Amino acid sequence: MVSTRKRRMFLAALPATFMVALSACAGGASAELHKVSGLRDDVRHIHEKAQPATRPHMISVCTTRPKRTPHTATTRVGGVTKTRRWVTIETARDCRMKQRGTETYMRVVRTERWCVELDDVGGNRRRDDVWFRVDPHAYAQALDVNEGEKIAITPRADGC
């Protein structure tokens, strides 16, 4: 059986390990992103959509109870050892989370997206009407370019 101390150390290190693994995955994904070029066709901004939802409202409920704590004191005088034992009663506090009703919050149903449509992607005349999801900065740059002019963007993802 694993000791409590080792279990706590493992659980404390788990989030950091998870974050390192995610950053390694993100590094590989960002290395795959590259600039694409083509003729600007259309742009699309899809707003975030949220709707009200409910979830349980949790509160902390605490109780106090008496706790017996044993004590020991040993004294040695000459060759005689005396051990004195006594018990003190202290109050211990136990807290736990309990549901008390519900609360309303805004749940995001659709995230905000900025998209750019390109024709002749990579100089290939057969790749027309290809949508790319971009960041807001690249979207603003695409707005400044007239339709049909050449543009190079770094997409976040394919599709819109």
Protein backbone atom coordinates (compact mmCIF):
# COMPACT_ATOMS: atom_id res chain seq x y z
CA MET A 1 0.00 0.00 0.00
CA VAL A 2 1.22 3.49 -0.85
CA SER A 3 1.83 5.81 2.08
CA THR A 4 -0.22 8.98 2.46
CA ARG A 5 2.87 11.16 2.04
CA LYS A 6 3.83 9.52 -1.27
CA ARG A 7 0.24 9.76 -2.50
CA ARG A 8 0.14 13.49 -1.66
CA MET A 9 3.44 14.09 -3.43
CA PHE A 10 2.16 12.22 -6.49
CA LEU A 11 -1.09 14.18 -6.53
CA ALA A 12 0.80 17.47 -6.13
CA ALA A 13 3.07 16.66 -9.08
CA LEU A 14 0.24 15.42 -11.33
CA PRO A 15 -1.01 18.85 -12.58
CA ALA A 16 2.53 19.99 -13.41
CA THR A 17 3.18 16.78 -15.34
CA PHE A 18 -0.10 17.21 -17.20
CA MET A 19 0.79 20.81 -18.15
CA VAL A 20 4.21 19.72 -19.45
CA ALA A 21 2.57 17.03 -21.57
CA LEU A 22 0.06 19.52 -22.96
CA SER A 23 2.73 22.06 -23.79
CA ALA A 24 4.71 19.37 -25.60
CA CYS A 25 1.62 18.52 -27.65
CA ALA A 26 0.93 22.19 -28.33
CA GLY A 27 4.53 22.67 -29.48
CA GLY A 28 4.08 19.94 -32.07
CA ALA A 29 0.80 21.43 -33.28
CA SER A 30 2.22 24.93 -33.62
CA ALA A 31 5.17 23.56 -35.61
CA GLU A 32 2.66 22.20 -38.16
CA LEU A 33 1.06 25.63 -38.67
CA HIS A 34 2.54 27.38 -41.67
CA LYS A 35 1.65 30.31 -43.84
CA VAL A 36 -0.77 29.77 -46.68
CA SER A 37 -1.27 32.15 -49.53
CA GLY A 38 -4.01 32.69 -52.02
CA LEU A 39 -6.51 35.21 -53.30
CA ARG A 40 -8.78 36.68 -50.65
CA ASP A 41 -12.35 35.68 -51.29
CA ASP A 42 -14.47 36.29 -48.19
CA VAL A 43 -14.20 36.86 -44.45
CA ARG A 44 -16.53 35.74 -41.69
CA HIS A 45 -16.77 36.66 -38.02
CA ILE A 46 -18.89 34.30 -35.93
CA HIS A 47 -19.86 35.76 -32.58
CA GLU A 48 -19.81 33.85 -29.34
CA LYS A 49 -23.13 32.33 -28.37
CA ALA A 50 -24.09 31.75 -24.74
CA GLN A 51 -27.26 30.63 -23.04
CA PRO A 52 -28.36 30.55 -19.42
CA ALA A 53 -27.92 27.25 -17.59
CA THR A 54 -28.17 26.08 -13.98
CA ARG A 55 -25.78 24.16 -11.79
CA PRO A 56 -25.86 23.07 -8.15
CA HIS A 57 -24.93 25.75 -5.64
CA MET A 58 -22.42 24.24 -3.23
CA ILE A 59 -21.78 25.65 0.23
CA SER A 60 -19.31 24.65 2.93
CA VAL A 61 -20.98 23.16 6.01
CA CYS A 62 -18.78 22.85 9.09
CA THR A 63 -19.40 21.04 12.37
CA THR A 64 -17.34 20.89 15.56
CA ARG A 65 -16.87 17.79 17.69
CA PRO A 66 -14.82 16.97 20.76
CA LYS A 67 -11.54 15.17 20.08
CA ARG A 68 -9.60 13.29 22.74
CA THR A 69 -5.84 13.83 22.51
CA PRO A 70 -3.58 11.60 24.64
CA HIS A 71 -0.33 13.01 26.12
CA THR A 72 2.64 11.34 27.84
CA ALA A 73 5.41 12.83 29.99
CA THR A 74 8.32 10.80 31.35
CA THR A 75 10.65 11.97 34.11
CA ARG A 76 13.70 10.22 35.53
CA VAL A 77 14.97 11.02 38.99
CA GLY A 78 17.85 8.91 40.20
CA GLY A 79 17.04 5.39 39.04
CA VAL A 80 13.28 5.83 39.12
CA THR A 81 11.32 6.54 35.94
CA LYS A 82 7.88 8.01 36.26
CA THR A 83 5.49 8.17 33.33
CA ARG A 84 2.51 10.42 33.55
CA ARG A 85 -0.34 10.13 31.06
CA TRP A 86 -3.31 12.43 30.57
CA VAL A 87 -5.95 13.24 28.00
CA THR A 88 -7.10 16.65 26.85
CA ILE A 89 -10.30 17.30 25.00
CA GLU A 90 -9.97 19.69 22.06
CA THR A 91 -12.54 20.74 19.52
CA ALA A 92 -12.05 19.46 15.97
CA ARG A 93 -13.70 21.09 12.97
CA ASP A 94 -15.02 18.98 10.09
CA CYS A 95 -16.06 20.75 6.87
CA ARG A 96 -17.67 19.35 3.74
CA MET A 97 -19.40 20.71 0.66
CA LYS A 98 -23.16 20.38 0.48
CA GLN A 99 -25.63 21.33 -2.24
CA ARG A 100 -27.95 24.16 -1.31
CA GLY A 101 -30.20 25.03 -4.23
CA THR A 102 -29.04 25.95 -7.73
CA GLU A 103 -27.34 28.91 -9.39
CA THR A 104 -27.70 30.34 -12.89
CA TYR A 105 -24.70 31.03 -15.13
CA MET A 106 -24.06 31.72 -18.82
CA ARG A 107 -22.84 28.58 -20.63
CA VAL A 108 -20.84 29.13 -23.83
CA VAL A 109 -22.48 27.13 -26.62
CA ARG A 110 -20.34 28.43 -29.49
CA THR A 111 -16.93 30.09 -29.23
CA GLU A 112 -16.04 33.23 -31.17
CA ARG A 113 -14.31 32.56 -34.50
CA TRP A 114 -12.64 34.62 -37.21
CA CYS A 115 -12.41 33.02 -40.66
CA VAL A 116 -10.92 33.89 -44.04
CA GLU A 117 -11.82 32.21 -47.34
CA LEU A 118 -9.12 31.93 -49.99
CA ASP A 119 -9.13 31.03 -53.70
CA ASP A 120 -6.15 29.53 -55.56
CA VAL A 121 -4.60 28.33 -52.29
CA GLY A 122 -0.84 27.83 -52.73
CA GLY A 123 -1.06 28.85 -56.38
CA ASN A 124 -3.23 25.84 -57.18
CA ARG A 125 -6.18 26.99 -59.30
CA ARG A 126 -8.20 23.90 -58.31
CA ARG A 127 -8.15 24.78 -54.58
CA ASP A 128 -10.88 27.39 -54.39
CA ASP A 129 -13.26 28.43 -51.62
CA VAL A 130 -11.09 27.06 -48.79
CA TRP A 131 -11.92 28.42 -45.31
CA PHE A 132 -9.25 28.95 -42.67
CA ARG A 133 -9.76 29.88 -39.04
CA VAL A 134 -7.40 32.71 -38.07
CA ASP A 135 -6.67 34.92 -35.09
CA PRO A 136 -8.28 38.40 -34.82
CA HIS A 137 -5.09 40.15 -36.00
CA ALA A 138 -4.96 38.14 -39.25
CA TYR A 139 -8.70 38.72 -39.70
CA ALA A 140 -8.16 42.50 -39.44
CA GLN A 141 -5.37 42.28 -42.02
CA ALA A 142 -7.66 40.34 -44.37
CA LEU A 143 -10.32 43.04 -44.02
CA ASP A 144 -7.81 45.61 -45.28
CA VAL A 145 -7.09 43.56 -48.43
CA ASN A 146 -9.52 43.89 -51.33
CA GLU A 147 -11.33 40.81 -52.60
CA GLY A 148 -9.30 39.00 -55.27
CA GLU A 149 -5.91 40.34 -54.08
CA LYS A 150 -3.13 38.00 -52.95
CA ILE A 151 -2.78 37.50 -49.20
CA ALA A 152 -0.65 35.27 -46.96
CA ILE A 153 -2.04 34.20 -43.56
CA THR A 154 -1.10 31.80 -40.78
CA PRO A 155 -4.23 29.80 -40.02
CA ARG A 156 -5.10 28.35 -36.61
CA ALA A 157 -7.11 25.54 -38.20
CA ASP A 158 -8.74 24.47 -41.43
CA GLY A 159 -12.42 25.09 -41.93
CA CYS A 160 -14.70 27.56 -40.25
